[in-house]
C-alpha cells in the first residue's frame, strides 16, 4: 500500500466549485489536482526562500551593487549604447 497522508483545509465555495469543474474537465481527481497545486506552490516558495537566503548572504558579505548604479544601468538598456552590467565591488 502507498504511503499516504491526509490533509484537510477550508476554502471558499467558489474555489471548491472551480476545483470540481477542473477535475471534471481534466478527468482527474480533486485529490490529484490539489496535490499537484500544493507541490507546485511548495517548490516555488522553497525556491524563493533559498534565493532570499542567498541574497542576504551576499549582502552580509558586502557583495552588493548600489541602487544608483543599477538604476543607471537599467535606464541605459533602452539607449543606443547601454552601460555594461554593473558588478559588485570586490570586498
Foldseek 3Di string as FASTA:
>chain_A
DDDDDDDDDDDDPVVVVVLVVVCVVVVHDSVVVVVVVVVVVVVVVVVVVVVVVVVVVCVVVQFDDDPVVQVQQVVQVPPPDGDPDDGGDDD
